[in-house]
Amino acid sequence: MRLATAEPFSSPLMLSTRLVYELGDPNSTLRATTDRNGPSVIVYAGGEVDACNEHAWRRLLDEAAAGVAAPGPLVIDVSGLDFMGCCAFAALAEEAERCRGRGVELRLVSHDPMVARVVKACGLTPMLPMYPTVDAALAA
């Protein structure tokens, strides 16, 4: 007799009104959606992260991380980003350290070789493990 297993529950993660307003601003170059998958949270980022919207990027990472229940990972899919300034990588590394302190691993999703190159060149590989897809990051 085989038992049926259910797929992990997936639902949107509610973000603060302030962050939703910032991301929804027609002048914003950063777009993002979030999903909860069991104890994990997934952020799908698009557009650009630079000094002009670094505060919104940091708030997004912080609010998403707060929604993760350890040991679930925080998965950040940057495949939709056209540009990531140095501040984007710094914020990811800082959030990864905070997550690690709570027993949560931040996992980065990108198929862009330039993202992998920057992560490696900055010595962030141990803090920001990279995966080619969200499914791979969740399964790791």
C-alpha atoms as a PDB file:
ATOM      1  CA  MET A   1       0.000   0.000   0.000  1.00  0.00           C
ATOM      2  CA  ARG A   2       1.391   3.406  -1.019  1.00  0.00           C
ATOM      3  CA  LEU A   3       0.555   6.581   0.794  1.00  0.00           C
ATOM      4  CA  ALA A   4      -0.215   9.634  -1.269  1.00  0.00           C
ATOM      5  CA  THR A   5       1.952  12.636  -0.546  1.00  0.00           C
ATOM      6  CA  ALA A   6       0.772  16.150  -1.018  1.00  0.00           C
ATOM      7  CA  GLU A   7       2.717  18.769  -2.874  1.00  0.00           C
ATOM      8  CA  PRO A   8       4.162  21.480  -0.615  1.00  0.00           C
ATOM      9  CA  PHE A   9       1.645  24.206   0.121  1.00  0.00           C
ATOM     10  CA  SER A  10       2.385  27.358  -1.873  1.00  0.00           C
ATOM     11  CA  SER A  11       0.891  30.750  -1.164  1.00  0.00           C
ATOM     12  CA  PRO A  12       1.898  34.392  -1.490  1.00  0.00           C
ATOM     13  CA  LEU A  13       3.898  35.893   1.363  1.00  0.00           C
ATOM     14  CA  MET A  14       2.307  39.120   2.533  1.00  0.00           C
ATOM     15  CA  LEU A  15       4.692  42.072   2.430  1.00  0.00           C
ATOM     16  CA  SER A  16       4.339  45.324   4.332  1.00  0.00           C
ATOM     17  CA  THR A  17       2.168  48.038   2.818  1.00  0.00           C
ATOM     18  CA  ARG A  18       5.188  50.317   2.585  1.00  0.00           C
ATOM     19  CA  LEU A  19       7.191  47.776   0.594  1.00  0.00           C
ATOM     20  CA  VAL A  20       4.262  46.950  -1.692  1.00  0.00           C
ATOM     21  CA  TYR A  21       3.886  50.676  -2.362  1.00  0.00           C
ATOM     22  CA  GLU A  22       7.611  51.052  -3.157  1.00  0.00           C
ATOM     23  CA  LEU A  23       7.657  48.038  -5.474  1.00  0.00           C
ATOM     24  CA  GLY A  24       4.446  49.187  -7.155  1.00  0.00           C
ATOM     25  CA  ASP A  25       5.669  52.720  -7.788  1.00  0.00           C
ATOM     26  CA  PRO A  26       5.604  53.302 -11.564  1.00  0.00           C
ATOM     27  CA  ASN A  27       9.086  54.833 -11.336  1.00  0.00           C
ATOM     28  CA  SER A  28      10.553  51.832  -9.501  1.00  0.00           C
ATOM     29  CA  THR A  29      13.047  49.746 -11.450  1.00  0.00           C
ATOM     30  CA  LEU A  30      12.742  46.848  -8.976  1.00  0.00           C
ATOM     31  CA  ARG A  31       9.902  44.356  -9.250  1.00  0.00           C
ATOM     32  CA  ALA A  32       9.355  41.379  -7.002  1.00  0.00           C
ATOM     33  CA  THR A  33       6.871  38.739  -5.968  1.00  0.00           C
ATOM     34  CA  THR A  34       7.113  36.355  -3.059  1.00  0.00           C
ATOM     35  CA  ASP A  35       5.722  32.895  -2.387  1.00  0.00           C
ATOM     36  CA  ARG A  36       5.664  30.689   0.664  1.00  0.00           C
ATOM     37  CA  ASN A  37       6.324  26.990   0.010  1.00  0.00           C
ATOM     38  CA  GLY A  38       5.923  25.087   3.266  1.00  0.00           C
ATOM     39  CA  PRO A  39       8.529  26.538   5.638  1.00  0.00           C
ATOM     40  CA  SER A  40      10.421  28.165   2.728  1.00  0.00           C
ATOM     41  CA  VAL A  41      10.018  31.568   1.118  1.00  0.00           C
ATOM     42  CA  ILE A  42      10.836  32.313  -2.519  1.00  0.00           C
ATOM     43  CA  VAL A  43      11.511  35.797  -3.868  1.00  0.00           C
ATOM     44  CA  TYR A  44      11.278  36.331  -7.622  1.00  0.00           C
ATOM     45  CA  ALA A  45      13.105  39.574  -8.430  1.00  0.00           C
ATOM     46  CA  GLY A  46      13.038  41.465 -11.708  1.00  0.00           C
ATOM     47  CA  GLY A  47      14.230  44.754 -13.100  1.00  0.00           C
ATOM     48  CA  GLU A  48      17.282  46.323 -11.499  1.00  0.00           C
ATOM     49  CA  VAL A  49      18.870  46.698  -8.083  1.00  0.00           C
ATOM     50  CA  ASP A  50      21.109  49.708  -7.713  1.00  0.00           C
ATOM     51  CA  ALA A  51      21.839  52.493  -5.248  1.00  0.00           C
ATOM     52  CA  CYS A  52      18.493  54.161  -6.049  1.00  0.00           C
ATOM     53  CA  ASN A  53      16.433  51.232  -4.774  1.00  0.00           C
ATOM     54  CA  GLU A  54      18.862  49.526  -2.416  1.00  0.00           C
ATOM     55  CA  HIS A  55      16.630  50.379   0.565  1.00  0.00           C
ATOM     56  CA  ALA A  56      13.656  48.586  -1.044  1.00  0.00           C
ATOM     57  CA  TRP A  57      15.873  45.569  -1.910  1.00  0.00           C
ATOM     58  CA  ARG A  58      17.101  45.336   1.669  1.00  0.00           C
ATOM     59  CA  ARG A  59      13.551  45.662   3.016  1.00  0.00           C
ATOM     60  CA  LEU A  60      12.388  42.948   0.602  1.00  0.00           C
ATOM     61  CA  LEU A  61      15.129  40.559   1.749  1.00  0.00           C
ATOM     62  CA  ASP A  62      14.430  41.341   5.396  1.00  0.00           C
ATOM     63  CA  GLU A  63      10.661  40.832   5.150  1.00  0.00           C
ATOM     64  CA  ALA A  64      11.066  37.653   3.106  1.00  0.00           C
ATOM     65  CA  ALA A  65      13.590  36.239   5.573  1.00  0.00           C
ATOM     66  CA  ALA A  66      11.231  36.971   8.453  1.00  0.00           C
ATOM     67  CA  GLY A  67       8.652  34.726   6.776  1.00  0.00           C
ATOM     68  CA  VAL A  68      10.911  31.653   6.653  1.00  0.00           C
ATOM     69  CA  ALA A  69      10.474  28.965   9.298  1.00  0.00           C
ATOM     70  CA  ALA A  70      13.774  27.181  10.018  1.00  0.00           C
ATOM     71  CA  PRO A  71      15.053  24.947   8.581  1.00  0.00           C
ATOM     72  CA  GLY A  72      13.323  26.047   5.363  1.00  0.00           C
ATOM     73  CA  PRO A  73      15.524  28.014   2.977  1.00  0.00           C
ATOM     74  CA  LEU A  74      15.107  31.567   1.760  1.00  0.00           C
ATOM     75  CA  VAL A  75      15.330  31.265  -2.029  1.00  0.00           C
ATOM     76  CA  ILE A  76      16.142  34.426  -3.971  1.00  0.00           C
ATOM     77  CA  ASP A  77      15.593  34.065  -7.722  1.00  0.00           C
ATOM     78  CA  VAL A  78      17.472  36.875  -9.448  1.00  0.00           C
ATOM     79  CA  SER A  79      17.001  35.404 -12.944  1.00  0.00           C
ATOM     80  CA  GLY A  80      14.648  38.260 -13.807  1.00  0.00           C
ATOM     81  CA  LEU A  81      17.099  40.998 -12.831  1.00  0.00           C
ATOM     82  CA  ASP A  82      18.695  42.883 -15.711  1.00  0.00           C
ATOM     83  CA  PHE A  83      21.226  44.560 -13.403  1.00  0.00           C
ATOM     84  CA  MET A  84      22.598  43.923  -9.921  1.00  0.00           C
ATOM     85  CA  GLY A  85      24.797  46.600  -8.444  1.00  0.00           C
ATOM     86  CA  CYS A  86      27.410  45.816  -5.808  1.00  0.00           C
ATOM     87  CA  CYS A  87      24.912  46.909  -3.175  1.00  0.00           C
ATOM     88  CA  ALA A  88      22.593  44.038  -4.216  1.00  0.00           C
ATOM     89  CA  PHE A  89      25.308  41.449  -3.575  1.00  0.00           C
ATOM     90  CA  ALA A  90      26.304  43.091  -0.287  1.00  0.00           C
ATOM     91  CA  ALA A  91      22.685  43.023   0.908  1.00  0.00           C
ATOM     92  CA  LEU A  92      22.383  39.338  -0.058  1.00  0.00           C
ATOM     93  CA  ALA A  93      25.550  38.474   1.871  1.00  0.00           C
ATOM     94  CA  GLU A  94      24.400  40.402   4.949  1.00  0.00           C
ATOM     95  CA  GLU A  95      20.963  38.767   4.873  1.00  0.00           C
ATOM     96  CA  ALA A  96      22.580  35.344   4.424  1.00  0.00           C
ATOM     97  CA  GLU A  97      24.555  35.898   7.637  1.00  0.00           C
ATOM     98  CA  ARG A  98      21.457  36.937   9.565  1.00  0.00           C
ATOM     99  CA  CYS A  99      19.570  33.914   8.199  1.00  0.00           C
ATOM    100  CA  ARG A 100      22.386  31.542   9.108  1.00  0.00           C
ATOM    101  CA  GLY A 101      22.126  32.754  12.704  1.00  0.00           C
ATOM    102  CA  ARG A 102      18.488  31.578  12.728  1.00  0.00           C
ATOM    103  CA  GLY A 103      19.213  28.210  11.100  1.00  0.00           C
ATOM    104  CA  VAL A 104      18.004  29.322   7.661  1.00  0.00           C
ATOM    105  CA  GLU A 105      20.050  29.062   4.459  1.00  0.00           C
ATOM    106  CA  LEU A 106      19.777  31.743   1.798  1.00  0.00           C
ATOM    107  CA  ARG A 107      19.956  30.129  -1.659  1.00  0.00           C
ATOM    108  CA  LEU A 108      20.507  32.167  -4.794  1.00  0.00           C
ATOM    109  CA  VAL A 109      18.938  31.187  -8.123  1.00  0.00           C
ATOM    110  CA  SER A 110      20.485  32.395 -11.364  1.00  0.00           C
ATOM    111  CA  HIS A 111      21.582  30.944 -14.663  1.00  0.00           C
ATOM    112  CA  ASP A 112      23.565  34.079 -15.521  1.00  0.00           C
ATOM    113  CA  PRO A 113      27.312  33.343 -15.560  1.00  0.00           C
ATOM    114  CA  MET A 114      28.023  36.964 -14.619  1.00  0.00           C
ATOM    115  CA  VAL A 115      26.150  36.579 -11.330  1.00  0.00           C
ATOM    116  CA  ALA A 116      28.135  33.431 -10.534  1.00  0.00           C
ATOM    117  CA  ARG A 117      31.344  35.228 -11.490  1.00  0.00           C
ATOM    118  CA  VAL A 118      30.658  38.167  -9.153  1.00  0.00           C
ATOM    119  CA  VAL A 119      29.665  35.834  -6.283  1.00  0.00           C
ATOM    120  CA  LYS A 120      32.900  33.875  -6.750  1.00  0.00           C
ATOM    121  CA  ALA A 121      35.143  36.938  -7.250  1.00  0.00           C
ATOM    122  CA  CYS A 122      33.796  38.533  -4.068  1.00  0.00           C
ATOM    123  CA  GLY A 123      34.369  35.358  -2.050  1.00  0.00           C
ATOM    124  CA  LEU A 124      30.647  34.959  -1.387  1.00  0.00           C
ATOM    125  CA  THR A 125      30.290  31.375  -2.657  1.00  0.00           C
ATOM    126  CA  PRO A 126      30.071  29.828   0.844  1.00  0.00           C
ATOM    127  CA  MET A 127      27.421  32.375   1.895  1.00  0.00           C
ATOM    128  CA  LEU A 128      25.425  32.401  -1.341  1.00  0.00           C
ATOM    129  CA  PRO A 129      25.137  28.899  -2.768  1.00  0.00           C
ATOM    130  CA  MET A 130      23.815  29.123  -6.327  1.00  0.00           C
ATOM    131  CA  TYR A 131      21.260  26.955  -8.087  1.00  0.00           C
ATOM    132  CA  PRO A 132      20.033  26.944 -11.696  1.00  0.00           C
ATOM    133  CA  THR A 133      16.314  26.771 -10.793  1.00  0.00           C
ATOM    134  CA  VAL A 134      14.000  27.404  -7.880  1.00  0.00           C
ATOM    135  CA  ASP A 135      13.095  23.703  -7.816  1.00  0.00           C
ATOM    136  CA  ALA A 136      16.773  22.772  -7.485  1.00  0.00           C
ATOM    137  CA  ALA A 137      17.226  25.301  -4.670  1.00  0.00           C
ATOM    138  CA  LEU A 138      14.194  23.950  -2.796  1.00  0.00           C
ATOM    139  CA  ALA A 139      15.288  20.343  -3.264  1.00  0.00           C
ATOM    140  CA  ALA A 140      18.874  20.904  -2.056  1.00  0.00           C
END
